[in-house]
Amino acid sequence: LVKATHEHDRLGSVIFTPTDWHLLRKCPIPVLLVKGNNWPEQGKVLGCVNISTDDETHDKLNDKIVKESLAFASIANAEVNLVNAYPATPVNITIELPEFDPASYTDAVRGHHLTTMKALRQKYGISEEQTHVLEGLPEDIIPQVSEDIKAELVILGTTGRTGLSAVFIGNTAENTIDSLNCDLLALKPDGYVSPLAPNID
């Protein structure tokens, strides 16, 4: 499903309407929200993956995101980049556990994400320079990387239960999307059933 977005006259940023949000949450097929600008030659596609767990649903959705990123890149002669955000060490944990070493914990978390991202990028022949594993919240990291690489398209996974929670939790997705200023493709996991689907039982 392709739908045009609106741009704020003064700010120059994309405005997502209530209809856009409704489609992103509940449409059972991929939703492509476009600004209407022409893509430049050798532009950038940014796939947002969640490599924090070994959950099969997340793994399949990650594969879907990477495959769609590569497909769009092939059509538009663009470059695929992948991004993943990992959480910072909770501040209060060092108070509750004085023997806790936050530096070692952060290194271990980052190491896990780097290793998992390496396996994913190698599976699809994507170079290390085109992957971004950064500490922080997804709603901060994804728009930051999108802006840094001047992405024409951001692709992410959605489940519809709480917005786009395959990559994000709760309202994080909406904060992220509101910060983007490029085209957006939202994918649902295999087997997703829209709450708007007719009940045939």
N, C-alpha and C. Protein backbone atom coordinates (compact mmCIF):
# COMPACT_ATOMS: atom_id res chain seq x y z
N LEU A 1 0.85 -1.18 0.00
CA LEU A 1 0.00 0.00 0.00
C LEU A 1 0.90 1.24 0.00
N VAL A 2 0.72 2.11 -0.98
CA VAL A 2 1.53 3.32 -1.08
C VAL A 2 0.66 4.53 -0.76
N LYS A 3 1.15 5.38 0.12
CA LYS A 3 0.40 6.59 0.49
C LYS A 3 1.35 7.77 0.59
N ALA A 4 0.91 8.90 0.05
CA ALA A 4 1.72 10.11 0.13
C ALA A 4 1.65 10.70 1.53
N THR A 5 2.76 11.30 1.97
CA THR A 5 2.79 12.03 3.24
C THR A 5 2.76 13.52 2.96
N HIS A 6 2.60 14.29 4.01
CA HIS A 6 2.54 15.75 3.88
C HIS A 6 3.76 16.37 4.53
N GLU A 7 4.22 17.47 3.97
CA GLU A 7 5.38 18.16 4.52
C GLU A 7 4.95 19.47 5.16
N HIS A 8 5.48 19.72 6.36
CA HIS A 8 5.18 20.96 7.07
C HIS A 8 5.76 22.14 6.29
N ASP A 9 4.92 23.15 6.02
CA ASP A 9 5.33 24.27 5.17
C ASP A 9 6.56 24.99 5.69
N ARG A 10 6.62 25.22 7.00
CA ARG A 10 7.73 25.99 7.56
C ARG A 10 8.90 25.12 7.98
N LEU A 11 8.60 23.97 8.58
CA LEU A 11 9.67 23.13 9.12
C LEU A 11 10.35 22.27 8.06
N GLY A 12 9.63 21.99 6.97
CA GLY A 12 10.21 21.15 5.93
C GLY A 12 10.29 19.69 6.30
N SER A 13 9.62 19.30 7.39
CA SER A 13 9.66 17.91 7.82
C SER A 13 8.36 17.21 7.47
N VAL A 14 8.40 15.87 7.46
CA VAL A 14 7.23 15.09 7.11
C VAL A 14 6.23 15.09 8.26
N ILE A 15 4.95 15.25 7.92
CA ILE A 15 3.89 15.18 8.92
C ILE A 15 3.12 13.89 8.71
N PHE A 16 3.02 13.07 9.76
CA PHE A 16 2.25 11.83 9.68
C PHE A 16 0.86 12.08 10.27
N THR A 17 -0.17 11.79 9.49
CA THR A 17 -1.55 12.05 9.90
C THR A 17 -2.10 10.87 10.69
N PRO A 18 -3.26 11.05 11.36
CA PRO A 18 -3.90 9.92 12.05
C PRO A 18 -4.17 8.74 11.12
N THR A 19 -4.48 9.02 9.86
CA THR A 19 -4.70 7.94 8.90
C THR A 19 -3.41 7.16 8.66
N ASP A 20 -2.30 7.86 8.57
CA ASP A 20 -1.00 7.19 8.40
C ASP A 20 -0.75 6.23 9.56
N TRP A 21 -0.96 6.71 10.79
CA TRP A 21 -0.73 5.88 11.97
C TRP A 21 -1.65 4.67 11.98
N HIS A 22 -2.90 4.88 11.58
CA HIS A 22 -3.87 3.78 11.56
C HIS A 22 -3.40 2.70 10.58
N LEU A 23 -2.92 3.11 9.43
CA LEU A 23 -2.43 2.15 8.43
C LEU A 23 -1.18 1.43 8.93
N LEU A 24 -0.26 2.16 9.54
CA LEU A 24 0.97 1.55 10.04
C LEU A 24 0.67 0.50 11.09
N ARG A 25 -0.31 0.76 11.93
CA ARG A 25 -0.60 -0.17 13.02
C ARG A 25 -1.39 -1.38 12.55
N LYS A 26 -2.34 -1.19 11.63
CA LYS A 26 -3.34 -2.23 11.40
C LYS A 26 -3.43 -2.78 9.99
N CYS A 27 -2.76 -2.16 9.03
CA CYS A 27 -2.83 -2.68 7.66
C CYS A 27 -2.04 -4.00 7.59
N PRO A 28 -2.65 -5.07 7.05
CA PRO A 28 -1.98 -6.38 7.04
C PRO A 28 -0.89 -6.52 5.98
N ILE A 29 -0.79 -5.57 5.07
CA ILE A 29 0.24 -5.64 4.02
C ILE A 29 1.26 -4.52 4.24
N PRO A 30 2.42 -4.60 3.58
CA PRO A 30 3.42 -3.53 3.74
C PRO A 30 2.86 -2.16 3.39
N VAL A 31 3.24 -1.16 4.16
CA VAL A 31 2.78 0.21 3.94
C VAL A 31 3.99 1.08 3.62
N LEU A 32 3.94 1.75 2.46
CA LEU A 32 5.02 2.64 2.03
C LEU A 32 4.49 4.07 2.06
N LEU A 33 5.04 4.87 2.96
CA LEU A 33 4.69 6.29 3.06
C LEU A 33 5.76 7.10 2.35
N VAL A 34 5.36 7.85 1.34
CA VAL A 34 6.35 8.54 0.49
C VAL A 34 6.16 10.05 0.53
N LYS A 35 7.29 10.75 0.40
CA LYS A 35 7.29 12.21 0.36
C LYS A 35 7.01 12.74 -1.04
N GLY A 36 7.26 11.92 -2.04
CA GLY A 36 7.04 12.36 -3.40
C GLY A 36 8.27 12.94 -4.06
N ASN A 37 9.41 12.92 -3.38
CA ASN A 37 10.66 13.41 -3.97
C ASN A 37 11.31 12.33 -4.81
N ASN A 38 12.05 12.73 -5.82
CA ASN A 38 12.81 11.76 -6.61
C ASN A 38 14.03 11.30 -5.84
N TRP A 39 14.30 10.00 -5.90
CA TRP A 39 15.50 9.47 -5.26
C TRP A 39 16.72 9.78 -6.12
N PRO A 40 17.83 10.15 -5.50
CA PRO A 40 19.05 10.35 -6.28
C PRO A 40 19.68 9.02 -6.67
N GLU A 41 20.52 9.05 -7.67
CA GLU A 41 21.30 7.85 -8.01
C GLU A 41 22.21 7.50 -6.84
N GLN A 42 22.35 6.22 -6.58
CA GLN A 42 23.21 5.72 -5.50
C GLN A 42 22.83 6.33 -4.15
N GLY A 43 21.53 6.32 -3.89
CA GLY A 43 21.03 6.79 -2.60
C GLY A 43 21.21 5.73 -1.52
N LYS A 44 20.54 5.91 -0.39
CA LYS A 44 20.72 5.02 0.76
C LYS A 44 19.37 4.48 1.23
N VAL A 45 19.35 3.18 1.52
CA VAL A 45 18.21 2.52 2.16
C VAL A 45 18.67 2.06 3.53
N LEU A 46 17.90 2.38 4.57
CA LEU A 46 18.27 2.02 5.94
C LEU A 46 17.30 0.99 6.49
N GLY A 47 17.80 -0.23 6.73
CA GLY A 47 16.99 -1.28 7.35
C GLY A 47 17.21 -1.29 8.85
N CYS A 48 16.12 -1.22 9.61
CA CYS A 48 16.20 -1.16 11.08
C CYS A 48 15.91 -2.55 11.65
N VAL A 49 16.92 -3.20 12.20
CA VAL A 49 16.77 -4.57 12.68
C VAL A 49 16.86 -4.62 14.20
N ASN A 50 16.24 -5.65 14.77
CA ASN A 50 16.28 -5.87 16.22
C ASN A 50 17.04 -7.15 16.46
N ILE A 51 18.29 -7.04 16.89
CA ILE A 51 19.13 -8.23 17.09
C ILE A 51 19.42 -8.46 18.56
N SER A 52 18.53 -7.96 19.41
CA SER A 52 18.76 -8.08 20.85
C SER A 52 18.32 -9.42 21.41
N THR A 53 17.48 -10.16 20.67
CA THR A 53 17.00 -11.44 21.16
C THR A 53 17.18 -12.51 20.09
N ASP A 54 17.03 -13.77 20.51
CA ASP A 54 17.09 -14.89 19.57
C ASP A 54 15.69 -15.38 19.22
N ASP A 55 14.70 -14.53 19.43
CA ASP A 55 13.32 -14.88 19.18
C ASP A 55 13.09 -15.14 17.69
N GLU A 56 12.41 -16.24 17.36
CA GLU A 56 12.23 -16.64 15.96
C GLU A 56 11.43 -15.60 15.18
N THR A 57 10.43 -15.00 15.82
CA THR A 57 9.62 -13.99 15.14
C THR A 57 10.48 -12.79 14.76
N HIS A 58 11.34 -12.34 15.68
CA HIS A 58 12.23 -11.22 15.38
C HIS A 58 13.23 -11.60 14.28
N ASP A 59 13.76 -12.82 14.35
CA ASP A 59 14.73 -13.26 13.34
C ASP A 59 14.11 -13.24 11.95
N LYS A 60 12.90 -13.75 11.83
CA LYS A 60 12.23 -13.79 10.53
C LYS A 60 11.91 -12.38 10.04
N LEU A 61 11.51 -11.52 10.97
CA LEU A 61 11.22 -10.15 10.58
C LEU A 61 12.49 -9.41 10.18
N ASN A 62 13.60 -9.68 10.87
CA ASN A 62 14.88 -9.10 10.47
C ASN A 62 15.24 -9.53 9.05
N ASP A 63 15.07 -10.82 8.75
CA ASP A 63 15.35 -11.32 7.40
C ASP A 63 14.48 -10.61 6.37
N LYS A 64 13.22 -10.43 6.71
CA LYS A 64 12.29 -9.76 5.80
C LYS A 64 12.72 -8.32 5.54
N ILE A 65 13.14 -7.63 6.61
CA ILE A 65 13.59 -6.24 6.49
C ILE A 65 14.82 -6.14 5.60
N VAL A 66 15.79 -7.04 5.80
CA VAL A 66 17.01 -7.00 5.00
C VAL A 66 16.71 -7.33 3.54
N LYS A 67 15.88 -8.33 3.30
CA LYS A 67 15.53 -8.71 1.92
C LYS A 67 14.82 -7.56 1.20
N GLU A 68 13.89 -6.91 1.88
CA GLU A 68 13.20 -5.77 1.26
C GLU A 68 14.16 -4.62 1.01
N SER A 69 15.09 -4.41 1.94
CA SER A 69 16.09 -3.35 1.76
C SER A 69 16.92 -3.61 0.52
N LEU A 70 17.36 -4.85 0.35
CA LEU A 70 18.16 -5.22 -0.81
C LEU A 70 17.35 -5.11 -2.10
N ALA A 71 16.07 -5.47 -2.04
CA ALA A 71 15.22 -5.40 -3.23
C ALA A 71 15.03 -3.95 -3.67
N PHE A 72 14.74 -3.06 -2.74
CA PHE A 72 14.59 -1.64 -3.08
C PHE A 72 15.91 -1.07 -3.59
N ALA A 73 17.00 -1.46 -2.95
CA ALA A 73 18.31 -0.96 -3.37
C ALA A 73 18.64 -1.40 -4.79
N SER A 74 18.26 -2.62 -5.14
CA SER A 74 18.51 -3.13 -6.49
C SER A 74 17.72 -2.35 -7.53
N ILE A 75 16.47 -2.05 -7.21
CA ILE A 75 15.61 -1.31 -8.13
C ILE A 75 16.11 0.13 -8.32
N ALA A 76 16.53 0.75 -7.23
CA ALA A 76 16.87 2.18 -7.25
C ALA A 76 18.37 2.44 -7.34
N ASN A 77 19.18 1.39 -7.55
CA ASN A 77 20.63 1.54 -7.59
C ASN A 77 21.12 2.25 -6.33
N ALA A 78 20.67 1.75 -5.19
CA ALA A 78 20.99 2.37 -3.90
C ALA A 78 21.86 1.45 -3.06
N GLU A 79 22.34 1.97 -1.94
CA GLU A 79 23.19 1.23 -1.01
C GLU A 79 22.39 0.89 0.24
N VAL A 80 22.49 -0.35 0.69
CA VAL A 80 21.80 -0.79 1.90
C VAL A 80 22.67 -0.55 3.13
N ASN A 81 22.09 0.06 4.14
CA ASN A 81 22.70 0.18 5.46
C ASN A 81 21.77 -0.48 6.47
N LEU A 82 22.33 -1.06 7.52
CA LEU A 82 21.54 -1.64 8.60
C LEU A 82 21.86 -0.92 9.90
N VAL A 83 20.85 -0.75 10.74
CA VAL A 83 21.06 -0.09 12.03
C VAL A 83 20.42 -0.89 13.14
N ASN A 84 21.09 -0.91 14.29
CA ASN A 84 20.56 -1.54 15.50
C ASN A 84 21.00 -0.72 16.70
N ALA A 85 20.08 -0.48 17.62
CA ALA A 85 20.38 0.25 18.85
C ALA A 85 20.38 -0.72 20.02
N TYR A 86 21.35 -0.55 20.92
CA TYR A 86 21.36 -1.38 22.12
C TYR A 86 21.30 -0.47 23.34
N PRO A 87 20.68 -0.94 24.43
CA PRO A 87 20.42 -0.07 25.58
C PRO A 87 21.67 0.26 26.38
N ALA A 88 21.67 1.45 26.94
CA ALA A 88 22.74 1.84 27.86
C ALA A 88 22.56 1.11 29.19
N THR A 89 23.62 1.01 29.96
CA THR A 89 23.55 0.37 31.27
C THR A 89 22.62 1.17 32.19
N PRO A 90 21.65 0.51 32.81
CA PRO A 90 20.75 1.22 33.73
C PRO A 90 21.53 1.91 34.85
N VAL A 91 21.24 3.16 35.09
CA VAL A 91 21.98 3.94 36.09
C VAL A 91 21.79 3.38 37.49
N ASN A 92 20.57 2.95 37.81
CA ASN A 92 20.28 2.53 39.19
C ASN A 92 20.88 1.19 39.56
N ILE A 93 21.35 0.42 38.55
CA ILE A 93 21.86 -0.91 38.87
C ILE A 93 23.15 -0.83 39.68
N THR A 94 23.95 0.20 39.45
CA THR A 94 25.20 0.33 40.21
C THR A 94 24.94 0.73 41.67
N ILE A 95 23.78 1.32 41.91
CA ILE A 95 23.41 1.66 43.29
C ILE A 95 22.93 0.41 44.02
N GLU A 96 22.13 -0.39 43.31
CA GLU A 96 21.58 -1.60 43.93
C GLU A 96 22.63 -2.70 44.07
N LEU A 97 23.58 -2.74 43.13
CA LEU A 97 24.63 -3.76 43.15
C LEU A 97 25.99 -3.07 43.09
N PRO A 98 26.55 -2.71 44.23
CA PRO A 98 27.83 -1.96 44.25
C PRO A 98 28.97 -2.68 43.54
N GLU A 99 28.94 -4.02 43.52
CA GLU A 99 30.02 -4.77 42.88
C GLU A 99 29.86 -4.84 41.36
N PHE A 100 28.74 -4.33 40.86
CA PHE A 100 28.46 -4.38 39.43
C PHE A 100 29.43 -3.50 38.65
N ASP A 101 29.96 -4.02 37.54
CA ASP A 101 30.90 -3.28 36.71
C ASP A 101 30.19 -2.83 35.43
N PRO A 102 29.74 -1.57 35.36
CA PRO A 102 28.98 -1.12 34.20
C PRO A 102 29.76 -1.17 32.89
N ALA A 103 31.07 -0.94 32.96
CA ALA A 103 31.88 -0.97 31.74
C ALA A 103 31.91 -2.37 31.14
N SER A 104 32.09 -3.38 31.99
CA SER A 104 32.10 -4.76 31.51
C SER A 104 30.75 -5.16 30.95
N TYR A 105 29.69 -4.71 31.62
CA TYR A 105 28.33 -5.02 31.16
C TYR A 105 28.09 -4.41 29.78
N THR A 106 28.44 -3.14 29.63
CA THR A 106 28.25 -2.45 28.35
C THR A 106 29.05 -3.13 27.25
N ASP A 107 30.29 -3.51 27.56
CA ASP A 107 31.13 -4.20 26.57
C ASP A 107 30.51 -5.52 26.15
N ALA A 108 29.93 -6.25 27.11
CA ALA A 108 29.31 -7.54 26.80
C ALA A 108 28.08 -7.36 25.92
N VAL A 109 27.26 -6.37 26.25
CA VAL A 109 26.05 -6.11 25.45
C VAL A 109 26.43 -5.69 24.04
N ARG A 110 27.38 -4.76 23.94
CA ARG A 110 27.82 -4.30 22.61
C ARG A 110 28.43 -5.46 21.82
N GLY A 111 29.23 -6.29 22.50
CA GLY A 111 29.84 -7.43 21.83
C GLY A 111 28.81 -8.38 21.26
N HIS A 112 27.75 -8.64 22.03
CA HIS A 112 26.68 -9.52 21.56
C HIS A 112 26.01 -8.93 20.32
N HIS A 113 25.72 -7.64 20.35
CA HIS A 113 25.05 -7.00 19.22
C HIS A 113 25.95 -6.96 17.99
N LEU A 114 27.24 -6.69 18.18
CA LEU A 114 28.17 -6.67 17.05
C LEU A 114 28.30 -8.05 16.42
N THR A 115 28.37 -9.09 17.25
CA THR A 115 28.50 -10.46 16.74
C THR A 115 27.26 -10.87 15.96
N THR A 116 26.09 -10.54 16.51
CA THR A 116 24.84 -10.90 15.84
C THR A 116 24.66 -10.11 14.55
N MET A 117 25.02 -8.83 14.57
CA MET A 117 24.94 -8.02 13.36
C MET A 117 25.90 -8.53 12.30
N LYS A 118 27.09 -8.96 12.71
CA LYS A 118 28.06 -9.50 11.76
C LYS A 118 27.50 -10.72 11.05
N ALA A 119 26.87 -11.61 11.81
CA ALA A 119 26.28 -12.81 11.20
C ALA A 119 25.18 -12.43 10.22
N LEU A 120 24.36 -11.44 10.58
CA LEU A 120 23.27 -11.02 9.70
C LEU A 120 23.79 -10.38 8.43
N ARG A 121 24.76 -9.47 8.56
CA ARG A 121 25.27 -8.79 7.36
C ARG A 121 26.02 -9.73 6.44
N GLN A 122 26.76 -10.69 7.04
CA GLN A 122 27.49 -11.65 6.21
C GLN A 122 26.53 -12.58 5.47
N LYS A 123 25.42 -12.89 6.10
CA LYS A 123 24.41 -13.73 5.47
C LYS A 123 23.92 -13.12 4.16
N TYR A 124 23.89 -11.78 4.11
CA TYR A 124 23.35 -11.08 2.93
C TYR A 124 24.42 -10.30 2.17
N GLY A 125 25.69 -10.49 2.50
CA GLY A 125 26.76 -9.85 1.75
C GLY A 125 26.82 -8.35 1.91
N ILE A 126 26.51 -7.85 3.09
CA ILE A 126 26.56 -6.41 3.38
C ILE A 126 27.84 -6.11 4.14
N SER A 127 28.54 -5.06 3.77
CA SER A 127 29.84 -4.77 4.37
C SER A 127 29.70 -4.20 5.77
N GLU A 128 30.78 -4.32 6.54
CA GLU A 128 30.78 -3.79 7.91
C GLU A 128 30.56 -2.28 7.92
N GLU A 129 31.10 -1.58 6.91
CA GLU A 129 30.96 -0.13 6.85
C GLU A 129 29.51 0.31 6.68
N GLN A 130 28.67 -0.60 6.23
CA GLN A 130 27.26 -0.28 5.98
C GLN A 130 26.36 -0.75 7.13
N THR A 131 26.96 -1.10 8.26
CA THR A 131 26.17 -1.47 9.43
C THR A 131 26.49 -0.53 10.59
N HIS A 132 25.48 -0.25 11.39
CA HIS A 132 25.61 0.73 12.47
C HIS A 132 25.02 0.12 13.74
N VAL A 133 25.87 -0.16 14.72
CA VAL A 133 25.45 -0.69 16.01
C VAL A 133 25.83 0.34 17.06
N LEU A 134 24.84 1.02 17.61
CA LEU A 134 25.11 2.16 18.48
C LEU A 134 24.34 2.07 19.79
N GLU A 135 24.96 2.59 20.85
CA GLU A 135 24.30 2.62 22.16
C GLU A 135 23.30 3.76 22.22
N GLY A 136 22.11 3.44 22.67
CA GLY A 136 21.09 4.47 22.81
C GLY A 136 19.71 3.93 22.55
N LEU A 137 18.74 4.82 22.59
CA LEU A 137 17.36 4.45 22.34
C LEU A 137 17.07 4.45 20.85
N PRO A 138 16.25 3.52 20.37
CA PRO A 138 15.94 3.48 18.94
C PRO A 138 15.39 4.79 18.41
N GLU A 139 14.56 5.48 19.21
CA GLU A 139 13.97 6.73 18.73
C GLU A 139 15.00 7.83 18.56
N ASP A 140 16.18 7.67 19.16
CA ASP A 140 17.28 8.62 18.96
C ASP A 140 18.23 8.14 17.87
N ILE A 141 18.58 6.86 17.92
CA ILE A 141 19.61 6.32 17.03
C ILE A 141 19.14 6.25 15.58
N ILE A 142 17.93 5.76 15.35
CA ILE A 142 17.47 5.57 13.96
C ILE A 142 17.36 6.88 13.20
N PRO A 143 16.68 7.91 13.72
CA PRO A 143 16.68 9.19 13.00
C PRO A 143 18.07 9.78 12.83
N GLN A 144 18.94 9.58 13.84
CA GLN A 144 20.31 10.10 13.76
C GLN A 144 21.07 9.46 12.60
N VAL A 145 21.02 8.13 12.51
CA VAL A 145 21.73 7.43 11.44
C VAL A 145 21.09 7.75 10.09
N SER A 146 19.77 7.81 10.06
CA SER A 146 19.07 8.16 8.82
C SER A 146 19.54 9.51 8.29
N GLU A 147 19.68 10.47 9.18
CA GLU A 147 20.14 11.80 8.80
C GLU A 147 21.62 11.78 8.42
N ASP A 148 22.43 11.05 9.18
CA ASP A 148 23.87 11.00 8.92
C ASP A 148 24.19 10.45 7.54
N ILE A 149 23.46 9.40 7.14
CA ILE A 149 23.75 8.78 5.84
C ILE A 149 22.87 9.35 4.73
N LYS A 150 21.97 10.26 5.08
CA LYS A 150 21.04 10.87 4.11
C LYS A 150 20.18 9.79 3.44
N ALA A 151 19.52 8.97 4.28
CA ALA A 151 18.71 7.87 3.75
C ALA A 151 17.48 8.40 3.01
N GLU A 152 17.18 7.77 1.88
CA GLU A 152 15.96 8.09 1.15
C GLU A 152 14.78 7.25 1.65
N LEU A 153 15.10 6.08 2.22
CA LEU A 153 14.06 5.16 2.68
C LEU A 153 14.50 4.47 3.96
N VAL A 154 13.61 4.44 4.95
CA VAL A 154 13.81 3.68 6.18
C VAL A 154 12.81 2.53 6.18
N ILE A 155 13.31 1.31 6.43
CA ILE A 155 12.46 0.12 6.48
C ILE A 155 12.51 -0.46 7.88
N LEU A 156 11.33 -0.67 8.47
CA LEU A 156 11.30 -1.27 9.81
C LEU A 156 10.13 -2.23 9.93
N GLY A 157 10.17 -3.02 11.00
CA GLY A 157 9.15 -4.03 11.23
C GLY A 157 8.08 -3.55 12.18
N THR A 158 6.85 -3.99 11.96
CA THR A 158 5.73 -3.59 12.80
C THR A 158 4.93 -4.81 13.21
N THR A 159 4.32 -4.75 14.38
CA THR A 159 3.43 -5.83 14.79
C THR A 159 2.00 -5.36 14.96
N GLY A 160 1.81 -4.07 15.18
CA GLY A 160 0.46 -3.55 15.30
C GLY A 160 -0.10 -3.55 16.70
N ARG A 161 0.47 -4.34 17.60
CA ARG A 161 -0.11 -4.42 18.95
C ARG A 161 0.07 -3.10 19.69
N THR A 162 1.26 -2.54 19.66
CA THR A 162 1.52 -1.26 20.33
C THR A 162 2.24 -0.33 19.38
N GLY A 163 1.69 -0.24 18.17
CA GLY A 163 2.38 0.57 17.17
C GLY A 163 3.34 -0.31 16.40
N LEU A 164 4.62 -0.04 16.51
CA LEU A 164 5.63 -0.79 15.78
C LEU A 164 6.59 -1.41 16.78
N SER A 165 6.15 -2.49 17.42
CA SER A 165 6.89 -2.97 18.59
C SER A 165 7.88 -4.08 18.28
N ALA A 166 8.03 -4.47 17.01
CA ALA A 166 9.04 -5.48 16.71
C ALA A 166 10.43 -4.89 16.88
N VAL A 167 10.55 -3.61 16.63
CA VAL A 167 11.83 -2.93 16.84
C VAL A 167 11.76 -2.07 18.09
N PHE A 168 10.57 -1.65 18.43
CA PHE A 168 10.39 -0.68 19.50
C PHE A 168 9.42 -1.18 20.56
N ILE A 169 9.31 -0.45 21.64
CA ILE A 169 8.38 -0.78 22.71
C ILE A 169 7.46 0.42 22.94
N GLY A 170 6.16 0.15 23.00
CA GLY A 170 5.19 1.20 23.30
C GLY A 170 5.20 2.33 22.30
N ASN A 171 5.28 3.56 22.79
CA ASN A 171 5.21 4.73 21.93
C ASN A 171 6.54 5.10 21.30
N THR A 172 7.56 4.29 21.56
CA THR A 172 8.87 4.58 20.99
C THR A 172 8.80 4.71 19.47
N ALA A 173 8.02 3.84 18.84
CA ALA A 173 7.91 3.85 17.39
C ALA A 173 7.40 5.19 16.88
N GLU A 174 6.37 5.69 17.54
CA GLU A 174 5.79 6.94 17.07
C GLU A 174 6.76 8.10 17.26
N ASN A 175 7.53 8.07 18.33
CA ASN A 175 8.56 9.10 18.52
C ASN A 175 9.61 9.02 17.43
N THR A 176 9.96 7.79 17.05
CA THR A 176 10.97 7.60 16.02
C THR A 176 10.48 8.10 14.67
N ILE A 177 9.30 7.65 14.29
CA ILE A 177 8.77 7.98 12.97
C ILE A 177 8.54 9.48 12.84
N ASP A 178 8.10 10.11 13.92
CA ASP A 178 7.89 11.56 13.87
C ASP A 178 9.20 12.32 13.64
N SER A 179 10.34 11.68 13.91
CA SER A 179 11.64 12.33 13.74
C SER A 179 12.26 12.06 12.37
N LEU A 180 11.62 11.21 11.58
CA LEU A 180 12.16 10.87 10.26
C LEU A 180 11.73 11.90 9.23
N ASN A 181 12.59 12.12 8.24
CA ASN A 181 12.25 13.04 7.17
C ASN A 181 12.57 12.40 5.82
N CYS A 182 12.07 11.16 5.67
CA CYS A 182 12.32 10.43 4.43
C CYS A 182 11.17 9.45 4.22
N ASP A 183 11.20 8.70 3.13
CA ASP A 183 10.19 7.69 2.88
C ASP A 183 10.31 6.58 3.92
N LEU A 184 9.19 5.92 4.21
CA LEU A 184 9.14 4.89 5.25
C LEU A 184 8.37 3.68 4.74
N LEU A 185 8.97 2.49 4.90
CA LEU A 185 8.29 1.24 4.58
C LEU A 185 8.14 0.44 5.86
N ALA A 186 6.90 0.10 6.22
CA ALA A 186 6.62 -0.68 7.43
C ALA A 186 6.15 -2.07 7.03
N LEU A 187 6.82 -3.09 7.59
CA LEU A 187 6.52 -4.48 7.27
C LEU A 187 5.90 -5.18 8.47
N LYS A 188 4.97 -6.09 8.21
CA LYS A 188 4.39 -6.92 9.26
C LYS A 188 5.06 -8.29 9.25
N PRO A 189 5.11 -8.96 10.40
CA PRO A 189 5.66 -10.32 10.43
C PRO A 189 4.74 -11.30 9.72
N ASP A 190 5.28 -12.41 9.27
CA ASP A 190 4.46 -13.45 8.66
C ASP A 190 3.40 -13.91 9.64
N GLY A 191 2.20 -14.11 9.13
CA GLY A 191 1.12 -14.59 9.98
C GLY A 191 0.37 -13.50 10.72
N TYR A 192 0.75 -12.24 10.49
CA TYR A 192 0.06 -11.14 11.17
C TYR A 192 -1.40 -11.09 10.72
N VAL A 193 -2.32 -10.95 11.67
CA VAL A 193 -3.74 -10.81 11.38
C VAL A 193 -4.20 -9.44 11.86
N SER A 194 -4.69 -8.64 10.94
CA SER A 194 -5.14 -7.30 11.30
C SER A 194 -6.37 -7.36 12.20
N PRO A 195 -6.44 -6.49 13.22
CA PRO A 195 -7.64 -6.44 14.06
C PRO A 195 -8.87 -5.99 13.29
N LEU A 196 -8.66 -5.46 12.08
CA LEU A 196 -9.78 -5.02 11.25
C LEU A 196 -10.27 -6.13 10.32
N ALA A 197 -9.58 -7.28 10.32
CA ALA A 197 -9.98 -8.38 9.45
C ALA A 197 -11.35 -8.90 9.87
N PRO A 198 -12.21 -9.25 8.90
CA PRO A 198 -13.54 -9.76 9.25
C PRO A 198 -13.44 -11.09 9.98
N ASN A 199 -14.29 -11.29 10.95
CA ASN A 199 -14.34 -12.54 11.70
C ASN A 199 -15.20 -13.53 10.94
N ILE A 200 -14.54 -14.58 10.40
CA ILE A 200 -15.28 -15.53 9.56
C ILE A 200 -15.65 -16.79 10.33
N ASP A 201 -15.35 -16.83 11.64
CA ASP A 201 -15.72 -18.00 12.44
C ASP A 201 -17.22 -18.06 12.65
